[in-house]
Amino acid sequence: NTLFNEQLHVPLIIKLPENKLAGFSVKHLSRSIDILPTVMNLLNEKPKPFFEGVTLVPLMKGKNHEKEIFSIAQRDMQKNYVRAYWSVQNRSWKLYNRKLYDLKRDPGEQTDVSTQHKKLKTSLERYAIHFMKKFKRKFRLKKVKPGKKLRDTLKSLGYL
């Protein structure tokens, strides 16, 4: 129902053969779309160029990088990106519902510090706008008119 970290932060556990990297913990943000490129990398396969995710293997080996993570509520996928249903964050900052949170000082996302960090807020908003425009172009929905066979199948299943 919200995009506060109490709902977004879910542990990702990866078990490698022969217990490689057993017990290693990464506090960096990741996304579910990063899992397939990671698995492919572990299998020495090149990720496909159309993958949006990135491999997490460098993080698993101790390398660190700062990356923005864009989140959008599933219920907003068909809408016009209502501000309450998207957020953008990195390890230190989060912009959600026009409010900026300092995650290092305020991990519970209670205090809006956007007036003290206007340039940062603007930068995160620009990132989000760029991401949303790219996302809309890539996943523009097209109306499909099903043929008779498909309509009959959907009708028999109770969908029409």
N, C-alpha and C. Protein backbone atom coordinates (compact mmCIF):
# COMPACT_ATOMS: atom_id res chain seq x y z
N ASN A 1 0.80 -1.21 0.00
CA ASN A 1 0.00 0.00 0.00
C ASN A 1 0.84 1.27 0.00
N THR A 2 2.08 1.17 0.40
CA THR A 2 2.97 2.33 0.39
C THR A 2 4.31 1.92 -0.20
N LEU A 3 5.16 2.90 -0.39
CA LEU A 3 6.52 2.62 -0.85
C LEU A 3 7.54 3.01 0.21
N PHE A 4 7.14 2.95 1.47
CA PHE A 4 8.11 3.14 2.54
C PHE A 4 8.96 1.88 2.64
N ASN A 5 10.18 2.03 3.12
CA ASN A 5 11.11 0.92 3.13
C ASN A 5 10.65 -0.26 3.97
N GLU A 6 9.76 -0.04 4.92
CA GLU A 6 9.26 -1.16 5.71
C GLU A 6 8.55 -2.18 4.82
N GLN A 7 8.07 -1.75 3.66
CA GLN A 7 7.45 -2.68 2.72
C GLN A 7 8.36 -3.01 1.54
N LEU A 8 9.28 -2.12 1.21
CA LEU A 8 10.15 -2.35 0.06
C LEU A 8 11.35 -3.25 0.38
N HIS A 9 11.87 -3.12 1.58
CA HIS A 9 13.10 -3.86 1.92
C HIS A 9 12.77 -5.30 2.28
N VAL A 10 13.12 -6.17 1.38
CA VAL A 10 12.91 -7.60 1.55
C VAL A 10 14.26 -8.27 1.34
N PRO A 11 14.68 -9.14 2.24
CA PRO A 11 16.00 -9.77 2.06
C PRO A 11 16.05 -10.64 0.80
N LEU A 12 17.17 -10.59 0.14
CA LEU A 12 17.45 -11.46 -1.00
C LEU A 12 18.55 -12.40 -0.55
N ILE A 13 18.28 -13.69 -0.58
CA ILE A 13 19.26 -14.68 -0.15
C ILE A 13 19.64 -15.52 -1.35
N ILE A 14 20.93 -15.59 -1.60
CA ILE A 14 21.44 -16.37 -2.73
C ILE A 14 22.39 -17.42 -2.18
N LYS A 15 22.13 -18.68 -2.49
CA LYS A 15 23.02 -19.76 -2.07
C LYS A 15 23.76 -20.26 -3.29
N LEU A 16 25.07 -20.19 -3.23
CA LEU A 16 25.90 -20.62 -4.34
C LEU A 16 26.40 -22.05 -4.10
N PRO A 17 26.72 -22.75 -5.17
CA PRO A 17 27.28 -24.10 -5.01
C PRO A 17 28.55 -24.06 -4.18
N GLU A 18 28.80 -25.14 -3.48
CA GLU A 18 30.00 -25.29 -2.65
C GLU A 18 30.11 -24.20 -1.59
N ASN A 19 28.98 -23.61 -1.24
CA ASN A 19 28.92 -22.56 -0.21
C ASN A 19 29.86 -21.39 -0.47
N LYS A 20 30.09 -21.10 -1.74
CA LYS A 20 30.91 -19.92 -2.07
C LYS A 20 30.25 -18.68 -1.50
N LEU A 21 31.05 -17.82 -0.94
CA LEU A 21 30.61 -16.56 -0.34
C LEU A 21 29.60 -16.77 0.80
N ALA A 22 29.61 -17.94 1.40
CA ALA A 22 28.68 -18.23 2.50
C ALA A 22 28.84 -17.21 3.61
N GLY A 23 27.72 -16.72 4.10
CA GLY A 23 27.74 -15.76 5.20
C GLY A 23 28.03 -14.34 4.79
N PHE A 24 28.28 -14.11 3.51
CA PHE A 24 28.58 -12.76 3.04
C PHE A 24 27.29 -11.96 2.96
N SER A 25 27.32 -10.76 3.47
CA SER A 25 26.12 -9.92 3.49
C SER A 25 26.38 -8.62 2.76
N VAL A 26 25.41 -8.20 1.97
CA VAL A 26 25.48 -6.95 1.22
C VAL A 26 24.33 -6.08 1.67
N LYS A 27 24.60 -4.86 2.03
CA LYS A 27 23.53 -3.96 2.47
C LYS A 27 23.04 -3.06 1.33
N HIS A 28 23.61 -3.24 0.17
CA HIS A 28 23.25 -2.41 -0.97
C HIS A 28 21.85 -2.75 -1.47
N LEU A 29 21.20 -1.76 -2.05
CA LEU A 29 19.88 -1.97 -2.64
C LEU A 29 19.99 -2.83 -3.90
N SER A 30 19.03 -3.68 -4.09
CA SER A 30 18.95 -4.45 -5.32
C SER A 30 17.48 -4.54 -5.71
N ARG A 31 17.25 -5.09 -6.89
CA ARG A 31 15.88 -5.19 -7.39
C ARG A 31 15.65 -6.61 -7.88
N SER A 32 14.42 -7.00 -7.96
CA SER A 32 14.13 -8.36 -8.44
C SER A 32 14.62 -8.53 -9.88
N ILE A 33 14.64 -7.45 -10.66
CA ILE A 33 15.11 -7.56 -12.04
C ILE A 33 16.62 -7.75 -12.13
N ASP A 34 17.32 -7.66 -10.99
CA ASP A 34 18.76 -7.91 -10.96
C ASP A 34 19.08 -9.40 -10.77
N ILE A 35 18.10 -10.20 -10.42
CA ILE A 35 18.37 -11.61 -10.11
C ILE A 35 18.79 -12.39 -11.35
N LEU A 36 18.05 -12.26 -12.46
CA LEU A 36 18.40 -13.03 -13.66
C LEU A 36 19.79 -12.66 -14.20
N PRO A 37 20.13 -11.37 -14.33
CA PRO A 37 21.50 -11.06 -14.78
C PRO A 37 22.56 -11.60 -13.81
N THR A 38 22.25 -11.65 -12.53
CA THR A 38 23.19 -12.19 -11.54
C THR A 38 23.40 -13.68 -11.76
N VAL A 39 22.30 -14.41 -11.94
CA VAL A 39 22.39 -15.85 -12.17
C VAL A 39 23.16 -16.13 -13.46
N MET A 40 22.86 -15.37 -14.50
CA MET A 40 23.56 -15.56 -15.77
C MET A 40 25.05 -15.29 -15.61
N ASN A 41 25.40 -14.27 -14.86
CA ASN A 41 26.80 -13.96 -14.62
C ASN A 41 27.49 -15.09 -13.85
N LEU A 42 26.81 -15.63 -12.86
CA LEU A 42 27.37 -16.74 -12.09
C LEU A 42 27.57 -17.98 -12.95
N LEU A 43 26.76 -18.12 -14.00
CA LEU A 43 26.87 -19.25 -14.93
C LEU A 43 27.80 -18.92 -16.11
N ASN A 44 28.49 -17.79 -16.02
CA ASN A 44 29.40 -17.32 -17.08
C ASN A 44 28.69 -17.10 -18.41
N GLU A 45 27.45 -16.67 -18.33
CA GLU A 45 26.68 -16.32 -19.52
C GLU A 45 26.54 -14.80 -19.58
N LYS A 46 26.50 -14.27 -20.78
CA LYS A 46 26.32 -12.82 -20.92
C LYS A 46 24.84 -12.49 -20.81
N PRO A 47 24.50 -11.45 -20.03
CA PRO A 47 23.09 -11.04 -19.97
C PRO A 47 22.64 -10.49 -21.32
N LYS A 48 21.38 -10.62 -21.59
CA LYS A 48 20.82 -10.11 -22.84
C LYS A 48 20.81 -8.58 -22.80
N PRO A 49 21.02 -7.93 -23.94
CA PRO A 49 21.10 -6.46 -23.95
C PRO A 49 19.80 -5.77 -23.52
N PHE A 50 18.67 -6.45 -23.62
CA PHE A 50 17.41 -5.84 -23.25
C PHE A 50 17.09 -5.97 -21.77
N PHE A 51 17.93 -6.66 -21.00
CA PHE A 51 17.72 -6.76 -19.56
C PHE A 51 17.87 -5.38 -18.93
N GLU A 52 16.96 -5.02 -18.07
CA GLU A 52 17.09 -3.76 -17.35
C GLU A 52 17.91 -3.94 -16.08
N GLY A 53 17.91 -5.14 -15.54
CA GLY A 53 18.65 -5.41 -14.31
C GLY A 53 20.14 -5.49 -14.56
N VAL A 54 20.89 -5.46 -13.47
CA VAL A 54 22.34 -5.57 -13.53
C VAL A 54 22.78 -6.72 -12.62
N THR A 55 23.94 -7.27 -12.90
CA THR A 55 24.45 -8.34 -12.07
C THR A 55 24.84 -7.82 -10.68
N LEU A 56 24.58 -8.62 -9.68
CA LEU A 56 24.95 -8.27 -8.31
C LEU A 56 26.27 -8.91 -7.90
N VAL A 57 26.90 -9.63 -8.82
CA VAL A 57 28.14 -10.34 -8.50
C VAL A 57 29.23 -9.40 -7.98
N PRO A 58 29.46 -8.23 -8.60
CA PRO A 58 30.49 -7.34 -8.02
C PRO A 58 30.19 -6.98 -6.56
N LEU A 59 28.94 -6.74 -6.24
CA LEU A 59 28.58 -6.44 -4.84
C LEU A 59 28.86 -7.64 -3.95
N MET A 60 28.57 -8.84 -4.46
CA MET A 60 28.80 -10.05 -3.69
C MET A 60 30.29 -10.26 -3.43
N LYS A 61 31.13 -9.67 -4.27
CA LYS A 61 32.58 -9.79 -4.11
C LYS A 61 33.18 -8.61 -3.38
N GLY A 62 32.31 -7.77 -2.80
CA GLY A 62 32.79 -6.69 -1.95
C GLY A 62 32.91 -5.33 -2.61
N LYS A 63 32.64 -5.24 -3.90
CA LYS A 63 32.70 -3.94 -4.56
C LYS A 63 31.42 -3.18 -4.25
N ASN A 64 31.51 -1.88 -4.17
CA ASN A 64 30.36 -1.07 -3.81
C ASN A 64 30.14 0.00 -4.86
N HIS A 65 28.90 0.34 -5.07
CA HIS A 65 28.58 1.46 -5.97
C HIS A 65 27.27 2.06 -5.51
N GLU A 66 27.14 3.33 -5.77
CA GLU A 66 25.93 4.06 -5.41
C GLU A 66 25.04 4.10 -6.64
N LYS A 67 23.83 3.63 -6.49
CA LYS A 67 22.91 3.57 -7.62
C LYS A 67 21.52 3.93 -7.13
N GLU A 68 20.83 4.72 -7.94
CA GLU A 68 19.44 5.04 -7.61
C GLU A 68 18.56 3.85 -7.94
N ILE A 69 17.57 3.65 -7.11
CA ILE A 69 16.59 2.59 -7.33
C ILE A 69 15.23 3.25 -7.46
N PHE A 70 14.56 2.98 -8.56
CA PHE A 70 13.23 3.53 -8.79
C PHE A 70 12.22 2.46 -8.41
N SER A 71 11.20 2.84 -7.66
CA SER A 71 10.14 1.90 -7.28
C SER A 71 8.80 2.48 -7.70
N ILE A 72 7.94 1.60 -8.15
CA ILE A 72 6.60 2.04 -8.51
C ILE A 72 5.62 0.97 -8.03
N ALA A 73 4.50 1.42 -7.48
CA ALA A 73 3.49 0.49 -7.00
C ALA A 73 2.82 -0.18 -8.19
N GLN A 74 2.56 -1.47 -8.09
CA GLN A 74 1.94 -2.19 -9.21
C GLN A 74 0.61 -1.59 -9.61
N ARG A 75 -0.13 -1.09 -8.64
CA ARG A 75 -1.45 -0.57 -8.97
C ARG A 75 -1.37 0.69 -9.83
N ASP A 76 -0.19 1.28 -9.92
CA ASP A 76 -0.04 2.50 -10.71
C ASP A 76 0.51 2.23 -12.11
N MET A 77 0.72 1.00 -12.46
CA MET A 77 1.33 0.68 -13.75
C MET A 77 0.49 1.19 -14.92
N GLN A 78 -0.81 1.27 -14.78
CA GLN A 78 -1.67 1.69 -15.88
C GLN A 78 -2.04 3.17 -15.79
N LYS A 79 -1.64 3.83 -14.73
CA LYS A 79 -2.04 5.22 -14.52
C LYS A 79 -0.97 6.17 -15.01
N ASN A 80 -1.09 7.39 -14.63
CA ASN A 80 -0.14 8.41 -15.06
C ASN A 80 0.90 8.71 -13.99
N TYR A 81 1.36 7.70 -13.30
CA TYR A 81 2.40 7.84 -12.30
C TYR A 81 2.06 8.87 -11.24
N VAL A 82 0.98 8.60 -10.55
CA VAL A 82 0.58 9.45 -9.43
C VAL A 82 1.75 9.50 -8.46
N ARG A 83 2.09 10.67 -7.98
CA ARG A 83 3.28 10.85 -7.16
C ARG A 83 3.32 9.95 -5.93
N ALA A 84 2.18 9.63 -5.37
CA ALA A 84 2.16 8.81 -4.16
C ALA A 84 2.57 7.37 -4.42
N TYR A 85 2.64 6.97 -5.69
CA TYR A 85 2.90 5.56 -5.98
C TYR A 85 4.26 5.31 -6.60
N TRP A 86 5.18 6.25 -6.51
CA TRP A 86 6.54 6.00 -6.94
C TRP A 86 7.53 6.63 -5.97
N SER A 87 8.71 6.07 -5.96
CA SER A 87 9.79 6.63 -5.14
C SER A 87 11.11 6.37 -5.85
N VAL A 88 12.10 7.14 -5.47
CA VAL A 88 13.46 6.91 -5.96
C VAL A 88 14.39 7.08 -4.77
N GLN A 89 15.35 6.16 -4.67
CA GLN A 89 16.26 6.25 -3.53
C GLN A 89 17.62 5.67 -3.87
N ASN A 90 18.60 6.06 -3.07
CA ASN A 90 19.90 5.42 -3.10
C ASN A 90 20.22 5.03 -1.65
N ARG A 91 21.44 4.72 -1.33
CA ARG A 91 21.73 4.25 0.03
C ARG A 91 21.50 5.34 1.08
N SER A 92 21.58 6.58 0.69
CA SER A 92 21.53 7.67 1.67
C SER A 92 20.24 8.48 1.66
N TRP A 93 19.58 8.56 0.52
CA TRP A 93 18.44 9.46 0.37
C TRP A 93 17.27 8.76 -0.29
N LYS A 94 16.07 9.25 0.00
CA LYS A 94 14.87 8.73 -0.63
C LYS A 94 13.89 9.86 -0.87
N LEU A 95 13.35 9.91 -2.09
CA LEU A 95 12.31 10.86 -2.44
C LEU A 95 11.03 10.06 -2.64
N TYR A 96 10.02 10.38 -1.86
CA TYR A 96 8.75 9.66 -1.93
C TYR A 96 7.63 10.63 -1.57
N ASN A 97 6.66 10.73 -2.46
CA ASN A 97 5.48 11.55 -2.24
C ASN A 97 5.86 13.01 -1.93
N ARG A 98 6.79 13.54 -2.75
CA ARG A 98 7.29 14.92 -2.65
C ARG A 98 8.13 15.19 -1.40
N LYS A 99 8.43 14.16 -0.64
CA LYS A 99 9.22 14.34 0.58
C LYS A 99 10.57 13.66 0.42
N LEU A 100 11.60 14.32 0.95
CA LEU A 100 12.96 13.80 0.89
C LEU A 100 13.36 13.33 2.28
N TYR A 101 13.89 12.12 2.34
CA TYR A 101 14.31 11.54 3.62
C TYR A 101 15.80 11.25 3.61
N ASP A 102 16.46 11.59 4.69
CA ASP A 102 17.86 11.27 4.91
C ASP A 102 17.89 9.90 5.58
N LEU A 103 18.12 8.85 4.81
CA LEU A 103 18.00 7.49 5.31
C LEU A 103 19.07 7.12 6.34
N LYS A 104 20.20 7.82 6.31
CA LYS A 104 21.25 7.52 7.31
C LYS A 104 20.86 8.06 8.68
N ARG A 105 20.28 9.24 8.72
CA ARG A 105 19.87 9.85 9.99
C ARG A 105 18.44 9.49 10.38
N ASP A 106 17.63 9.14 9.39
CA ASP A 106 16.21 8.90 9.61
C ASP A 106 15.76 7.65 8.83
N PRO A 107 16.22 6.47 9.25
CA PRO A 107 15.88 5.26 8.51
C PRO A 107 14.38 4.92 8.56
N GLY A 108 13.66 5.48 9.49
CA GLY A 108 12.22 5.25 9.59
C GLY A 108 11.39 6.17 8.71
N GLU A 109 12.06 7.03 7.95
CA GLU A 109 11.40 7.93 7.00
C GLU A 109 10.30 8.76 7.67
N GLN A 110 10.68 9.48 8.71
CA GLN A 110 9.72 10.28 9.47
C GLN A 110 9.82 11.78 9.20
N THR A 111 11.03 12.26 8.85
CA THR A 111 11.26 13.70 8.75
C THR A 111 11.60 14.12 7.32
N ASP A 112 10.79 14.99 6.76
CA ASP A 112 11.02 15.52 5.42
C ASP A 112 12.09 16.61 5.50
N VAL A 113 13.18 16.41 4.74
CA VAL A 113 14.28 17.39 4.74
C VAL A 113 14.42 18.05 3.36
N SER A 114 13.35 18.04 2.58
CA SER A 114 13.44 18.55 1.21
C SER A 114 13.76 20.04 1.15
N THR A 115 13.31 20.83 2.13
CA THR A 115 13.60 22.27 2.08
C THR A 115 15.08 22.54 2.34
N GLN A 116 15.75 21.66 3.06
CA GLN A 116 17.18 21.83 3.34
C GLN A 116 18.07 21.30 2.21
N HIS A 117 17.51 20.48 1.32
CA HIS A 117 18.30 19.85 0.26
C HIS A 117 17.56 19.94 -1.08
N LYS A 118 17.28 21.17 -1.50
CA LYS A 118 16.48 21.39 -2.71
C LYS A 118 17.14 20.85 -3.97
N LYS A 119 18.46 21.02 -4.11
CA LYS A 119 19.16 20.54 -5.30
C LYS A 119 19.10 19.02 -5.39
N LEU A 120 19.29 18.36 -4.27
CA LEU A 120 19.22 16.90 -4.25
C LEU A 120 17.82 16.41 -4.60
N LYS A 121 16.81 17.07 -4.04
CA LYS A 121 15.43 16.71 -4.35
C LYS A 121 15.18 16.86 -5.85
N THR A 122 15.62 17.97 -6.43
CA THR A 122 15.45 18.20 -7.86
C THR A 122 16.17 17.14 -8.68
N SER A 123 17.36 16.77 -8.26
CA SER A 123 18.13 15.75 -8.97
C SER A 123 17.41 14.41 -8.95
N LEU A 124 16.88 14.01 -7.81
CA LEU A 124 16.15 12.75 -7.72
C LEU A 124 14.84 12.80 -8.51
N GLU A 125 14.19 13.96 -8.51
CA GLU A 125 12.96 14.10 -9.31
C GLU A 125 13.28 13.96 -10.80
N ARG A 126 14.38 14.56 -11.24
CA ARG A 126 14.78 14.45 -12.65
C ARG A 126 15.06 12.99 -13.03
N TYR A 127 15.74 12.28 -12.12
CA TYR A 127 16.01 10.86 -12.37
C TYR A 127 14.69 10.11 -12.53
N ALA A 128 13.74 10.36 -11.65
CA ALA A 128 12.45 9.67 -11.69
C ALA A 128 11.69 10.01 -12.98
N ILE A 129 11.69 11.27 -13.36
CA ILE A 129 10.99 11.69 -14.58
C ILE A 129 11.61 11.02 -15.80
N HIS A 130 12.95 11.00 -15.86
CA HIS A 130 13.65 10.33 -16.95
C HIS A 130 13.27 8.85 -17.00
N PHE A 131 13.28 8.20 -15.85
CA PHE A 131 12.94 6.78 -15.78
C PHE A 131 11.51 6.54 -16.24
N MET A 132 10.57 7.38 -15.76
CA MET A 132 9.17 7.18 -16.11
C MET A 132 8.92 7.38 -17.60
N LYS A 133 9.57 8.37 -18.21
CA LYS A 133 9.41 8.58 -19.65
C LYS A 133 9.92 7.38 -20.43
N LYS A 134 11.08 6.88 -20.04
CA LYS A 134 11.66 5.70 -20.68
C LYS A 134 10.74 4.49 -20.50
N PHE A 135 10.21 4.32 -19.33
CA PHE A 135 9.34 3.19 -19.01
C PHE A 135 8.05 3.27 -19.82
N LYS A 136 7.47 4.44 -19.90
CA LYS A 136 6.22 4.60 -20.66
C LYS A 136 6.42 4.26 -22.13
N ARG A 137 7.54 4.73 -22.72
CA ARG A 137 7.82 4.44 -24.13
C ARG A 137 8.01 2.94 -24.35
N LYS A 138 8.73 2.32 -23.46
CA LYS A 138 9.07 0.92 -23.62
C LYS A 138 7.87 0.00 -23.47
N PHE A 139 6.97 0.35 -22.56
CA PHE A 139 5.86 -0.54 -22.25
C PHE A 139 4.51 0.06 -22.60
N ARG A 140 4.47 0.83 -23.65
CA ARG A 140 3.20 1.41 -24.09
C ARG A 140 2.25 0.28 -24.46
N LEU A 141 1.08 0.32 -23.88
CA LEU A 141 0.10 -0.74 -24.12
C LEU A 141 -0.56 -0.57 -25.48
N LYS A 142 -0.78 -1.68 -26.13
CA LYS A 142 -1.47 -1.67 -27.41
C LYS A 142 -2.75 -2.49 -27.26
N LYS A 143 -3.80 -1.97 -27.85
CA LYS A 143 -5.06 -2.72 -27.82
C LYS A 143 -4.96 -3.86 -28.83
N VAL A 144 -5.41 -5.00 -28.39
CA VAL A 144 -5.38 -6.18 -29.25
C VAL A 144 -6.80 -6.67 -29.43
N LYS A 145 -7.16 -6.92 -30.65
CA LYS A 145 -8.49 -7.46 -30.94
C LYS A 145 -8.33 -8.96 -31.13
N PRO A 146 -8.83 -9.75 -30.15
CA PRO A 146 -8.64 -11.21 -30.25
C PRO A 146 -9.47 -11.80 -31.38
N GLY A 147 -8.93 -12.86 -31.97
CA GLY A 147 -9.64 -13.58 -33.03
C GLY A 147 -10.77 -14.42 -32.43
N LYS A 148 -11.57 -15.02 -33.30
CA LYS A 148 -12.73 -15.80 -32.87
C LYS A 148 -12.32 -16.95 -31.95
N LYS A 149 -11.27 -17.67 -32.30
CA LYS A 149 -10.82 -18.82 -31.50
C LYS A 149 -10.44 -18.39 -30.09
N LEU A 150 -9.69 -17.30 -29.98
CA LEU A 150 -9.30 -16.81 -28.66
C LEU A 150 -10.51 -16.31 -27.88
N ARG A 151 -11.42 -15.60 -28.56
CA ARG A 151 -12.65 -15.14 -27.88
C ARG A 151 -13.46 -16.33 -27.37
N ASP A 152 -13.58 -17.38 -28.18
CA ASP A 152 -14.32 -18.57 -27.75
C ASP A 152 -13.65 -19.23 -26.55
N THR A 153 -12.32 -19.31 -26.57
CA THR A 153 -11.59 -19.89 -25.44
C THR A 153 -11.79 -19.06 -24.18
N LEU A 154 -11.64 -17.74 -24.30
CA LEU A 154 -11.83 -16.86 -23.15
C LEU A 154 -13.26 -16.95 -22.62
N LYS A 155 -14.22 -17.06 -23.53
CA LYS A 155 -15.63 -17.19 -23.12
C LYS A 155 -15.85 -18.50 -22.37
N SER A 156 -15.26 -19.59 -22.87
CA SER A 156 -15.43 -20.90 -22.23
C SER A 156 -14.80 -20.92 -20.83
N LEU A 157 -13.78 -20.07 -20.63
CA LEU A 157 -13.12 -19.99 -19.33
C LEU A 157 -13.81 -18.99 -18.39
N GLY A 158 -14.82 -18.29 -18.91
CA GLY A 158 -15.57 -17.35 -18.08
C GLY A 158 -15.01 -15.93 -18.03
N TYR A 159 -14.06 -15.63 -18.92
CA TYR A 159 -13.47 -14.29 -18.94
C TYR A 159 -14.28 -13.29 -19.75
N LEU A 160 -15.12 -13.78 -20.66
CA LEU A 160 -15.96 -12.88 -21.46
C LEU A 160 -17.42 -13.18 -21.23
